Amino acid sequence: NYADSVKGRFTISRDNAKKMVFLQMNSLKPEDTAVYYCNRNFGSNDI
């Protein structure tokens, strides 16, 4: 699932075997400027 502001432009994917997560960002806009953080969640536990 995606934020409405990035739908159709961003794509998230994961490779569990390689322990990697990716975010492909296309058609970037100035309002996409930010610090981007990766998160792992299980219930109330966040990394």
All heavy atoms as atom14 arrays in JSON, in Angstrom:
{
  "sequence": "NYADSVKGRFTISRDNAKKMVFLQMNSLKPEDTAVYYCNRNFGSNDI",
  "atom14_mask": [
    [1, 1, 1, 1, 1, 1, 1, 1, 0, 0, 0, 0, 0, 0],
    [1, 1, 1, 1, 1, 1, 1, 1, 1, 1, 1, 1, 0, 0],
    [1, 1, 1, 1, 1, 0, 0, 0, 0, 0, 0, 0, 0, 0],
    [1, 1, 1, 1, 1, 1, 1, 1, 0, 0, 0, 0, 0, 0],
    [1, 1, 1, 1, 1, 1, 0, 0, 0, 0, 0, 0, 0, 0],
    [1, 1, 1, 1, 1, 1, 1, 0, 0, 0, 0, 0, 0, 0],
    [1, 1, 1, 1, 1, 1, 1, 1, 1, 0, 0, 0, 0, 0],
    [1, 1, 1, 1, 0, 0, 0, 0, 0, 0, 0, 0, 0, 0],
    [1, 1, 1, 1, 1, 1, 1, 1, 1, 1, 1, 0, 0, 0],
    [1, 1, 1, 1, 1, 1, 1, 1, 1, 1, 1, 0, 0, 0],
    [1, 1, 1, 1, 1, 1, 1, 0, 0, 0, 0, 0, 0, 0],
    [1, 1, 1, 1, 1, 1, 1, 1, 0, 0, 0, 0, 0, 0],
    [1, 1, 1, 1, 1, 1, 0, 0, 0, 0, 0, 0, 0, 0],
    [1, 1, 1, 1, 1, 1, 1, 1, 1, 1, 1, 0, 0, 0],
    [1, 1, 1, 1, 1, 1, 1, 1, 0, 0, 0, 0, 0, 0],
    [1, 1, 1, 1, 1, 1, 1, 1, 0, 0, 0, 0, 0, 0],
    [1, 1, 1, 1, 1, 0, 0, 0, 0, 0, 0, 0, 0, 0],
    [1, 1, 1, 1, 1, 1, 1, 1, 1, 0, 0, 0, 0, 0],
    [1, 1, 1, 1, 1, 1, 1, 1, 1, 0, 0, 0, 0, 0],
    [1, 1, 1, 1, 1, 1, 1, 1, 0, 0, 0, 0, 0, 0],
    [1, 1, 1, 1, 1, 1, 1, 0, 0, 0, 0, 0, 0, 0],
    [1, 1, 1, 1, 1, 1, 1, 1, 1, 1, 1, 0, 0, 0],
    [1, 1, 1, 1, 1, 1, 1, 1, 0, 0, 0, 0, 0, 0],
    [1, 1, 1, 1, 1, 1, 1, 1, 1, 0, 0, 0, 0, 0],
    [1, 1, 1, 1, 1, 1, 1, 1, 0, 0, 0, 0, 0, 0],
    [1, 1, 1, 1, 1, 1, 1, 1, 0, 0, 0, 0, 0, 0],
    [1, 1, 1, 1, 1, 1, 0, 0, 0, 0, 0, 0, 0, 0],
    [1, 1, 1, 1, 1, 1, 1, 1, 0, 0, 0, 0, 0, 0],
    [1, 1, 1, 1, 1, 1, 1, 1, 1, 0, 0, 0, 0, 0],
    [1, 1, 1, 1, 1, 1, 1, 0, 0, 0, 0, 0, 0, 0],
    [1, 1, 1, 1, 1, 1, 1, 1, 1, 0, 0, 0, 0, 0],
    [1, 1, 1, 1, 1, 1, 1, 1, 0, 0, 0, 0, 0, 0],
    [1, 1, 1, 1, 1, 1, 1, 0, 0, 0, 0, 0, 0, 0],
    [1, 1, 1, 1, 1, 0, 0, 0, 0, 0, 0, 0, 0, 0],
    [1, 1, 1, 1, 1, 1, 1, 0, 0, 0, 0, 0, 0, 0],
    [1, 1, 1, 1, 1, 1, 1, 1, 1, 1, 1, 1, 0, 0],
    [1, 1, 1, 1, 1, 1, 1, 1, 1, 1, 1, 1, 0, 0],
    [1, 1, 1, 1, 1, 1, 0, 0, 0, 0, 0, 0, 0, 0],
    [1, 1, 1, 1, 1, 1, 1, 1, 0, 0, 0, 0, 0, 0],
    [1, 1, 1, 1, 1, 1, 1, 1, 1, 1, 1, 0, 0, 0],
    [1, 1, 1, 1, 1, 1, 1, 1, 0, 0, 0, 0, 0, 0],
    [1, 1, 1, 1, 1, 1, 1, 1, 1, 1, 1, 0, 0, 0],
    [1, 1, 1, 1, 0, 0, 0, 0, 0, 0, 0, 0, 0, 0],
    [1, 1, 1, 1, 1, 1, 0, 0, 0, 0, 0, 0, 0, 0],
    [1, 1, 1, 1, 1, 1, 1, 1, 0, 0, 0, 0, 0, 0],
    [1, 1, 1, 1, 1, 1, 1, 1, 0, 0, 0, 0, 0, 0],
    [1, 1, 1, 1, 1, 1, 1, 1, 0, 0, 0, 0, 0, 0]
  ],
  "atom14_positions": [
    [[0.85, -1.19, 0.0], [0.0, 0.0, 0.0], [0.89, 1.24, 0.0], [2.03, 1.19, 0.47], [-1.03, 0.02, 1.13], [-0.42, 0.14, 2.49], [0.2, -0.78, 2.97], [-0.61, 1.3, 3.1], [0.0, 0.0, 0.0], [0.0, 0.0, 0.0], [0.0, 0.0, 0.0], [0.0, 0.0, 0.0], [0.0, 0.0, 0.0], [0.0, 0.0, 0.0]],
    [[0.34, 2.31, -0.57], [1.1, 3.52, -0.83], [0.34, 4.75, -0.35], [-0.89, 4.79, -0.34], [1.34, 3.67, -2.33], [2.17, 2.58, -2.95], [1.59, 1.43, -3.46], [3.56, 2.69, -3.01], [2.34, 0.42, -4.02], [4.33, 1.7, -3.57], [3.72, 0.56, -4.07], [4.49, -0.44, -4.62], [0.0, 0.0, 0.0], [0.0, 0.0, 0.0]],
    [[1.09, 5.77, 0.0], [0.49, 7.07, 0.23], [-0.1, 7.57, -1.08], [0.45, 7.32, -2.16], [1.53, 8.05, 0.75], [0.0, 0.0, 0.0], [0.0, 0.0, 0.0], [0.0, 0.0, 0.0], [0.0, 0.0, 0.0], [0.0, 0.0, 0.0], [0.0, 0.0, 0.0], [0.0, 0.0, 0.0], [0.0, 0.0, 0.0], [0.0, 0.0, 0.0]],
    [[-1.21, 8.28, -0.98], [-1.86, 8.78, -2.21], [-0.91, 9.64, -3.03], [-0.96, 9.63, -4.26], [-3.1, 9.6, -1.85], [-4.25, 8.73, -1.36], [-4.21, 7.5, -1.6], [-5.18, 9.27, -0.75], [0.0, 0.0, 0.0], [0.0, 0.0, 0.0], [0.0, 0.0, 0.0], [0.0, 0.0, 0.0], [0.0, 0.0, 0.0], [0.0, 0.0, 0.0]],
    [[-0.04, 10.36, -2.36], [0.85, 11.29, -3.05], [1.9, 10.61, -3.92], [2.5, 11.26, -4.78], [1.55, 12.19, -2.03], [2.31, 11.42, -1.12], [0.0, 0.0, 0.0], [0.0, 0.0, 0.0], [0.0, 0.0, 0.0], [0.0, 0.0, 0.0], [0.0, 0.0, 0.0], [0.0, 0.0, 0.0], [0.0, 0.0, 0.0], [0.0, 0.0, 0.0]],
    [[2.13, 9.31, -3.72], [3.17, 8.61, -4.49], [2.61, 7.48, -5.36], [3.38, 6.87, -6.11], [4.28, 8.06, -3.58], [4.83, 9.15, -2.67], [3.8, 6.86, -2.76], [0.0, 0.0, 0.0], [0.0, 0.0, 0.0], [0.0, 0.0, 0.0], [0.0, 0.0, 0.0], [0.0, 0.0, 0.0], [0.0, 0.0, 0.0], [0.0, 0.0, 0.0]],
    [[1.32, 7.22, -5.26], [0.73, 6.14, -6.06], [0.98, 6.37, -7.55], [0.81, 7.46, -8.06], [-0.77, 6.06, -5.8], [-1.13, 5.37, -4.51], [-2.65, 5.31, -4.32], [-3.02, 4.65, -3.02], [-4.48, 4.66, -2.77], [0.0, 0.0, 0.0], [0.0, 0.0, 0.0], [0.0, 0.0, 0.0], [0.0, 0.0, 0.0], [0.0, 0.0, 0.0]],
    [[1.39, 5.3, -8.21], [1.67, 5.38, -9.64], [3.06, 5.86, -9.97], [3.48, 5.79, -11.13], [0.0, 0.0, 0.0], [0.0, 0.0, 0.0], [0.0, 0.0, 0.0], [0.0, 0.0, 0.0], [0.0, 0.0, 0.0], [0.0, 0.0, 0.0], [0.0, 0.0, 0.0], [0.0, 0.0, 0.0], [0.0, 0.0, 0.0], [0.0, 0.0, 0.0]],
    [[3.78, 6.36, -8.97], [5.15, 6.85, -9.21], [6.2, 6.01, -8.48], [7.3, 5.85, -8.97], [5.28, 8.31, -8.76], [4.33, 9.25, -9.47], [4.64, 10.71, -9.12], [4.46, 11.0, -7.7], [5.42, 11.49, -6.91], [6.63, 11.72, -7.38], [5.16, 11.75, -5.62], [0.0, 0.0, 0.0], [0.0, 0.0, 0.0], [0.0, 0.0, 0.0]],
    [[5.85, 5.53, -7.28], [6.8, 4.76, -6.46], [6.39, 3.29, -6.43], [5.2, 2.97, -6.45], [6.82, 5.29, -5.04], [7.41, 6.66, -4.85], [7.72, 7.48, -5.92], [7.68, 7.13, -3.57], [8.27, 8.74, -5.75], [8.24, 8.39, -3.36], [8.52, 9.19, -4.46], [0.0, 0.0, 0.0], [0.0, 0.0, 0.0], [0.0, 0.0, 0.0]],
    [[7.39, 2.43, -6.31], [7.14, 1.0, -6.19], [8.04, 0.42, -5.1], [9.26, 0.58, -5.15], [7.42, 0.27, -7.51], [6.62, 0.84, -8.55], [7.1, -1.21, -7.37], [0.0, 0.0, 0.0], [0.0, 0.0, 0.0], [0.0, 0.0, 0.0], [0.0, 0.0, 0.0], [0.0, 0.0, 0.0], [0.0, 0.0, 0.0], [0.0, 0.0, 0.0]],
    [[7.42, -0.25, -4.15], [8.18, -0.92, -3.08], [8.29, -2.4, -3.41], [7.36, -3.0, -3.98], [7.5, -0.71, -1.71], [8.39, -1.23, -0.58], [6.12, -1.35, -1.66], [7.9, -0.86, 0.82], [0.0, 0.0, 0.0], [0.0, 0.0, 0.0], [0.0, 0.0, 0.0], [0.0, 0.0, 0.0], [0.0, 0.0, 0.0], [0.0, 0.0, 0.0]],
    [[9.44, -2.97, -3.08], [9.64, -4.4, -3.28], [10.58, -4.92, -2.2], [11.25, -4.14, -1.52], [10.21, -4.69, -4.67], [11.46, -4.04, -4.85], [0.0, 0.0, 0.0], [0.0, 0.0, 0.0], [0.0, 0.0, 0.0], [0.0, 0.0, 0.0], [0.0, 0.0, 0.0], [0.0, 0.0, 0.0], [0.0, 0.0, 0.0], [0.0, 0.0, 0.0]],
    [[10.62, -6.24, -2.06], [11.48, -6.83, -1.05], [12.04, -8.14, -1.56], [11.41, -8.82, -2.38], [10.74, -7.04, 0.27], [9.59, -8.04, 0.2], [8.71, -7.98, 1.46], [9.36, -8.61, 2.61], [8.88, -8.53, 3.86], [7.77, -7.85, 4.1], [9.51, -9.14, 4.85], [0.0, 0.0, 0.0], [0.0, 0.0, 0.0], [0.0, 0.0, 0.0]],
    [[13.22, -8.49, -1.05], [13.86, -9.77, -1.33], [14.25, -10.35, 0.02], [15.27, -9.99, 0.6], [15.08, -9.56, -2.22], [15.72, -10.86, -2.66], [15.64, -11.85, -1.9], [16.31, -10.91, -3.73], [0.0, 0.0, 0.0], [0.0, 0.0, 0.0], [0.0, 0.0, 0.0], [0.0, 0.0, 0.0], [0.0, 0.0, 0.0], [0.0, 0.0, 0.0]],
    [[13.4, -11.24, 0.54], [13.64, -11.77, 1.89], [14.93, -12.57, 1.97], [15.63, -12.53, 2.98], [12.46, -12.64, 2.32], [11.2, -11.82, 2.55], [11.24, -10.61, 2.72], [10.06, -12.49, 2.54], [0.0, 0.0, 0.0], [0.0, 0.0, 0.0], [0.0, 0.0, 0.0], [0.0, 0.0, 0.0], [0.0, 0.0, 0.0], [0.0, 0.0, 0.0]],
    [[15.25, -13.3, 0.93], [16.47, -14.13, 0.95], [17.72, -13.26, 1.05], [18.67, -13.62, 1.76], [16.53, -14.98, -0.31], [0.0, 0.0, 0.0], [0.0, 0.0, 0.0], [0.0, 0.0, 0.0], [0.0, 0.0, 0.0], [0.0, 0.0, 0.0], [0.0, 0.0, 0.0], [0.0, 0.0, 0.0], [0.0, 0.0, 0.0], [0.0, 0.0, 0.0]],
    [[17.7, -12.13, 0.37], [18.85, -11.22, 0.41], [18.72, -10.18, 1.51], [19.62, -9.35, 1.69], [19.02, -10.53, -0.94], [19.37, -11.48, -2.07], [19.58, -10.72, -3.38], [19.96, -11.69, -4.49], [20.14, -10.98, -5.78], [0.0, 0.0, 0.0], [0.0, 0.0, 0.0], [0.0, 0.0, 0.0], [0.0, 0.0, 0.0], [0.0, 0.0, 0.0]],
    [[17.6, -10.21, 2.23], [17.34, -9.27, 3.33], [17.44, -7.83, 2.85], [18.12, -7.0, 3.46], [18.27, -9.55, 4.51], [18.07, -10.95, 5.1], [18.81, -11.16, 6.4], [20.28, -11.3, 6.21], [20.99, -11.64, 7.46], [0.0, 0.0, 0.0], [0.0, 0.0, 0.0], [0.0, 0.0, 0.0], [0.0, 0.0, 0.0], [0.0, 0.0, 0.0]],
    [[16.73, -7.56, 1.76], [16.76, -6.24, 1.15], [15.33, -5.75, 0.89], [14.44, -6.55, 0.57], [17.52, -6.25, -0.17], [18.97, -6.61, -0.08], [19.96, -5.29, 0.68], [19.81, -4.01, -0.56], [0.0, 0.0, 0.0], [0.0, 0.0, 0.0], [0.0, 0.0, 0.0], [0.0, 0.0, 0.0], [0.0, 0.0, 0.0], [0.0, 0.0, 0.0]],
    [[15.16, -4.45, 0.99], [13.91, -3.8, 0.62], [14.27, -2.62, -0.29], [15.29, -1.96, -0.07], [13.14, -3.29, 1.85], [11.8, -2.68, 1.44], [12.92, -4.41, 2.84], [0.0, 0.0, 0.0], [0.0, 0.0, 0.0], [0.0, 0.0, 0.0], [0.0, 0.0, 0.0], [0.0, 0.0, 0.0], [0.0, 0.0, 0.0], [0.0, 0.0, 0.0]],
    [[13.45, -2.38, -1.29], [13.75, -1.34, -2.27], [12.56, -0.39, -2.43], [11.41, -0.77, -2.2], [14.06, -1.97, -3.63], [15.15, -3.0, -3.58], [14.83, -4.36, -3.5], [16.48, -2.64, -3.58], [15.83, -5.32, -3.45], [17.49, -3.58, -3.51], [17.16, -4.93, -3.44], [0.0, 0.0, 0.0], [0.0, 0.0, 0.0], [0.0, 0.0, 0.0]],
    [[12.89, 0.82, -2.83], [11.85, 1.79, -3.2], [12.29, 2.45, -4.51], [13.24, 3.23, -4.52], [11.66, 2.85, -2.12], [10.5, 3.83, -2.38], [9.16, 3.1, -2.28], [10.54, 4.99, -1.39], [0.0, 0.0, 0.0], [0.0, 0.0, 0.0], [0.0, 0.0, 0.0], [0.0, 0.0, 0.0], [0.0, 0.0, 0.0], [0.0, 0.0, 0.0]],
    [[11.6, 2.08, -5.58], [11.85, 2.71, -6.87], [10.99, 3.95, -6.96], [9.76, 3.87, -6.84], [11.51, 1.75, -8.01], [11.7, 2.34, -9.39], [13.15, 2.64, -9.71], [14.04, 1.85, -9.41], [13.39, 3.8, -10.31], [0.0, 0.0, 0.0], [0.0, 0.0, 0.0], [0.0, 0.0, 0.0], [0.0, 0.0, 0.0], [0.0, 0.0, 0.0]],
    [[11.63, 5.09, -7.17], [10.92, 6.37, -7.2], [11.09, 6.99, -8.57], [12.22, 7.31, -8.99], [11.46, 7.3, -6.12], [11.44, 6.7, -4.72], [11.91, 7.88, -3.43], [13.62, 8.18, -3.87], [0.0, 0.0, 0.0], [0.0, 0.0, 0.0], [0.0, 0.0, 0.0], [0.0, 0.0, 0.0], [0.0, 0.0, 0.0], [0.0, 0.0, 0.0]],
    [[9.99, 7.16, -9.28], [10.0, 7.77, -10.6], [9.21, 9.07, -10.59], [8.42, 9.33, -9.68], [9.39, 6.8, -11.62], [10.17, 5.5, -11.75], [11.39, 5.47, -11.59], [9.46, 4.42, -12.02], [0.0, 0.0, 0.0], [0.0, 0.0, 0.0], [0.0, 0.0, 0.0], [0.0, 0.0, 0.0], [0.0, 0.0, 0.0], [0.0, 0.0, 0.0]],
    [[9.4, 9.86, -11.62], [8.68, 11.13, -11.76], [8.74, 11.95, -10.49], [7.73, 12.45, -9.98], [7.22, 10.86, -12.15], [7.14, 10.11, -13.34], [0.0, 0.0, 0.0], [0.0, 0.0, 0.0], [0.0, 0.0, 0.0], [0.0, 0.0, 0.0], [0.0, 0.0, 0.0], [0.0, 0.0, 0.0], [0.0, 0.0, 0.0], [0.0, 0.0, 0.0]],
    [[9.93, 12.08, -9.96], [10.1, 12.75, -8.67], [9.73, 14.22, -8.76], [9.94, 14.89, -9.8], [11.54, 12.58, -8.19], [11.82, 11.21, -7.57], [13.32, 10.92, -7.55], [11.24, 11.13, -6.18], [0.0, 0.0, 0.0], [0.0, 0.0, 0.0], [0.0, 0.0, 0.0], [0.0, 0.0, 0.0], [0.0, 0.0, 0.0], [0.0, 0.0, 0.0]],
    [[9.19, 14.72, -7.66], [8.74, 16.11, -7.55], [9.48, 16.8, -6.41], [9.94, 16.13, -5.48], [7.24, 16.15, -7.27], [6.37, 15.41, -8.28], [4.92, 15.42, -7.84], [4.04, 14.67, -8.83], [2.61, 14.67, -8.4], [0.0, 0.0, 0.0], [0.0, 0.0, 0.0], [0.0, 0.0, 0.0], [0.0, 0.0, 0.0], [0.0, 0.0, 0.0]],
    [[9.58, 18.11, -6.45], [10.24, 18.81, -5.33], [9.63, 18.47, -3.98], [10.36, 18.41, -2.97], [10.05, 20.28, -5.69], [9.98, 20.29, -7.18], [9.25, 19.02, -7.55], [0.0, 0.0, 0.0], [0.0, 0.0, 0.0], [0.0, 0.0, 0.0], [0.0, 0.0, 0.0], [0.0, 0.0, 0.0], [0.0, 0.0, 0.0], [0.0, 0.0, 0.0]],
    [[8.34, 18.22, -3.95], [7.69, 17.9, -2.67], [8.03, 16.51, -2.15], [7.66, 16.16, -1.04], [6.17, 18.06, -2.78], [5.54, 17.33, -3.94], [5.31, 18.25, -5.14], [6.22, 19.05, -5.46], [4.23, 18.15, -5.76], [0.0, 0.0, 0.0], [0.0, 0.0, 0.0], [0.0, 0.0, 0.0], [0.0, 0.0, 0.0], [0.0, 0.0, 0.0]],
    [[8.76, 15.73, -2.94], [9.26, 14.44, -2.45], [10.55, 14.6, -1.65], [11.05, 13.62, -1.08], [9.53, 13.49, -3.63], [8.26, 13.11, -4.37], [7.25, 12.84, -3.72], [8.31, 13.08, -5.62], [0.0, 0.0, 0.0], [0.0, 0.0, 0.0], [0.0, 0.0, 0.0], [0.0, 0.0, 0.0], [0.0, 0.0, 0.0], [0.0, 0.0, 0.0]],
    [[11.09, 15.79, -1.61], [12.32, 16.05, -0.85], [12.1, 15.76, 0.63], [11.17, 16.3, 1.24], [12.77, 17.5, -1.04], [13.11, 17.7, -2.42], [13.96, 17.82, -0.16], [0.0, 0.0, 0.0], [0.0, 0.0, 0.0], [0.0, 0.0, 0.0], [0.0, 0.0, 0.0], [0.0, 0.0, 0.0], [0.0, 0.0, 0.0], [0.0, 0.0, 0.0]],
    [[12.95, 14.9, 1.18], [12.82, 14.49, 2.58], [13.94, 13.52, 2.92], [14.67, 13.07, 2.03], [11.47, 13.81, 2.82], [0.0, 0.0, 0.0], [0.0, 0.0, 0.0], [0.0, 0.0, 0.0], [0.0, 0.0, 0.0], [0.0, 0.0, 0.0], [0.0, 0.0, 0.0], [0.0, 0.0, 0.0], [0.0, 0.0, 0.0], [0.0, 0.0, 0.0]],
    [[14.04, 13.22, 4.19], [14.85, 12.08, 4.62], [13.95, 10.85, 4.6], [12.86, 10.87, 5.17], [15.44, 12.3, 6.02], [16.24, 11.08, 6.46], [16.31, 13.55, 6.06], [0.0, 0.0, 0.0], [0.0, 0.0, 0.0], [0.0, 0.0, 0.0], [0.0, 0.0, 0.0], [0.0, 0.0, 0.0], [0.0, 0.0, 0.0], [0.0, 0.0, 0.0]],
    [[14.42, 9.81, 3.94], [13.65, 8.57, 3.79], [14.2, 7.51, 4.74], [15.42, 7.27, 4.78], [13.7, 8.09, 2.35], [12.81, 8.89, 1.43], [13.11, 10.21, 1.11], [11.64, 8.34, 0.9], [12.28, 10.95, 0.29], [10.8, 9.07, 0.08], [11.13, 10.39, -0.22], [10.3, 11.13, -1.04], [0.0, 0.0, 0.0], [0.0, 0.0, 0.0]],
    [[13.28, 6.89, 5.47], [13.65, 5.9, 6.48], [13.06, 4.54, 6.14], [11.89, 4.44, 5.75], [13.13, 6.32, 7.84], [13.71, 7.6, 8.38], [13.09, 8.82, 8.13], [14.87, 7.59, 9.16], [13.62, 10.0, 8.62], [15.4, 8.76, 9.66], [14.77, 9.97, 9.38], [15.28, 11.14, 9.87], [0.0, 0.0, 0.0], [0.0, 0.0, 0.0]],
    [[13.84, 3.52, 6.35], [13.38, 2.14, 6.23], [12.87, 1.68, 7.59], [13.43, 2.05, 8.64], [14.54, 1.26, 5.77], [14.14, -0.48, 5.51], [0.0, 0.0, 0.0], [0.0, 0.0, 0.0], [0.0, 0.0, 0.0], [0.0, 0.0, 0.0], [0.0, 0.0, 0.0], [0.0, 0.0, 0.0], [0.0, 0.0, 0.0], [0.0, 0.0, 0.0]],
    [[11.82, 0.88, 7.58], [11.2, 0.41, 8.83], [10.86, -1.06, 8.73], [10.39, -1.54, 7.7], [9.93, 1.23, 9.09], [9.08, 0.67, 10.21], [8.19, -0.15, 9.98], [9.37, 1.08, 11.43], [0.0, 0.0, 0.0], [0.0, 0.0, 0.0], [0.0, 0.0, 0.0], [0.0, 0.0, 0.0], [0.0, 0.0, 0.0], [0.0, 0.0, 0.0]],
    [[11.11, -1.77, 9.83], [10.67, -3.16, 9.97], [9.68, -3.22, 11.11], [9.97, -2.78, 12.22], [11.86, -4.08, 10.25], [11.5, -5.58, 10.15], [12.63, -6.47, 10.67], [12.6, -6.57, 12.13], [13.32, -7.43, 12.83], [14.15, -8.25, 12.2], [13.25, -7.46, 14.14], [0.0, 0.0, 0.0], [0.0, 0.0, 0.0], [0.0, 0.0, 0.0]],
    [[8.52, -3.75, 10.86], [7.46, -3.76, 11.86], [6.93, -5.16, 12.1], [6.71, -5.94, 11.17], [6.3, -2.87, 11.41], [5.09, -3.0, 12.32], [4.15, -3.74, 12.03], [5.13, -2.3, 13.45], [0.0, 0.0, 0.0], [0.0, 0.0, 0.0], [0.0, 0.0, 0.0], [0.0, 0.0, 0.0], [0.0, 0.0, 0.0], [0.0, 0.0, 0.0]],
    [[6.73, -5.46, 13.39], [6.0, -6.66, 13.8], [5.21, -6.31, 15.04], [5.79, -6.14, 16.12], [6.95, -7.83, 14.07], [6.25, -9.09, 14.5], [5.42, -9.76, 13.62], [6.4, -9.59, 15.78], [4.76, -10.92, 14.01], [5.74, -10.74, 16.18], [4.92, -11.41, 15.3], [0.0, 0.0, 0.0], [0.0, 0.0, 0.0], [0.0, 0.0, 0.0]],
    [[3.91, -6.14, 14.88], [3.07, -5.72, 15.99], [3.47, -4.34, 16.47], [3.47, -3.38, 15.71], [0.0, 0.0, 0.0], [0.0, 0.0, 0.0], [0.0, 0.0, 0.0], [0.0, 0.0, 0.0], [0.0, 0.0, 0.0], [0.0, 0.0, 0.0], [0.0, 0.0, 0.0], [0.0, 0.0, 0.0], [0.0, 0.0, 0.0], [0.0, 0.0, 0.0]],
    [[3.84, -4.24, 17.74], [4.24, -2.95, 18.31], [5.74, -2.73, 18.25], [6.26, -1.74, 18.76], [3.76, -2.84, 19.75], [4.34, -3.87, 20.53], [0.0, 0.0, 0.0], [0.0, 0.0, 0.0], [0.0, 0.0, 0.0], [0.0, 0.0, 0.0], [0.0, 0.0, 0.0], [0.0, 0.0, 0.0], [0.0, 0.0, 0.0], [0.0, 0.0, 0.0]],
    [[6.43, -3.64, 17.63], [7.89, -3.55, 17.55], [8.33, -2.93, 16.23], [8.0, -3.46, 15.16], [8.5, -4.95, 17.7], [10.0, -4.9, 17.73], [10.67, -5.04, 16.71], [10.55, -4.69, 18.92], [0.0, 0.0, 0.0], [0.0, 0.0, 0.0], [0.0, 0.0, 0.0], [0.0, 0.0, 0.0], [0.0, 0.0, 0.0], [0.0, 0.0, 0.0]],
    [[9.06, -1.84, 16.33], [9.55, -1.14, 15.14], [11.07, -0.99, 15.2], [11.62, -0.64, 16.24], [8.94, 0.25, 15.02], [7.52, 0.22, 14.53], [7.32, -0.09, 13.34], [6.61, 0.48, 15.33], [0.0, 0.0, 0.0], [0.0, 0.0, 0.0], [0.0, 0.0, 0.0], [0.0, 0.0, 0.0], [0.0, 0.0, 0.0], [0.0, 0.0, 0.0]],
    [[11.7, -1.26, 14.07], [13.12, -1.01, 13.9], [13.26, 0.02, 12.77], [12.61, -0.12, 11.72], [13.89, -2.28, 13.52], [13.71, -3.37, 14.58], [15.38, -1.97, 13.34], [14.33, -3.05, 15.91], [0.0, 0.0, 0.0], [0.0, 0.0, 0.0], [0.0, 0.0, 0.0], [0.0, 0.0, 0.0], [0.0, 0.0, 0.0], [0.0, 0.0, 0.0]]
  ]
}
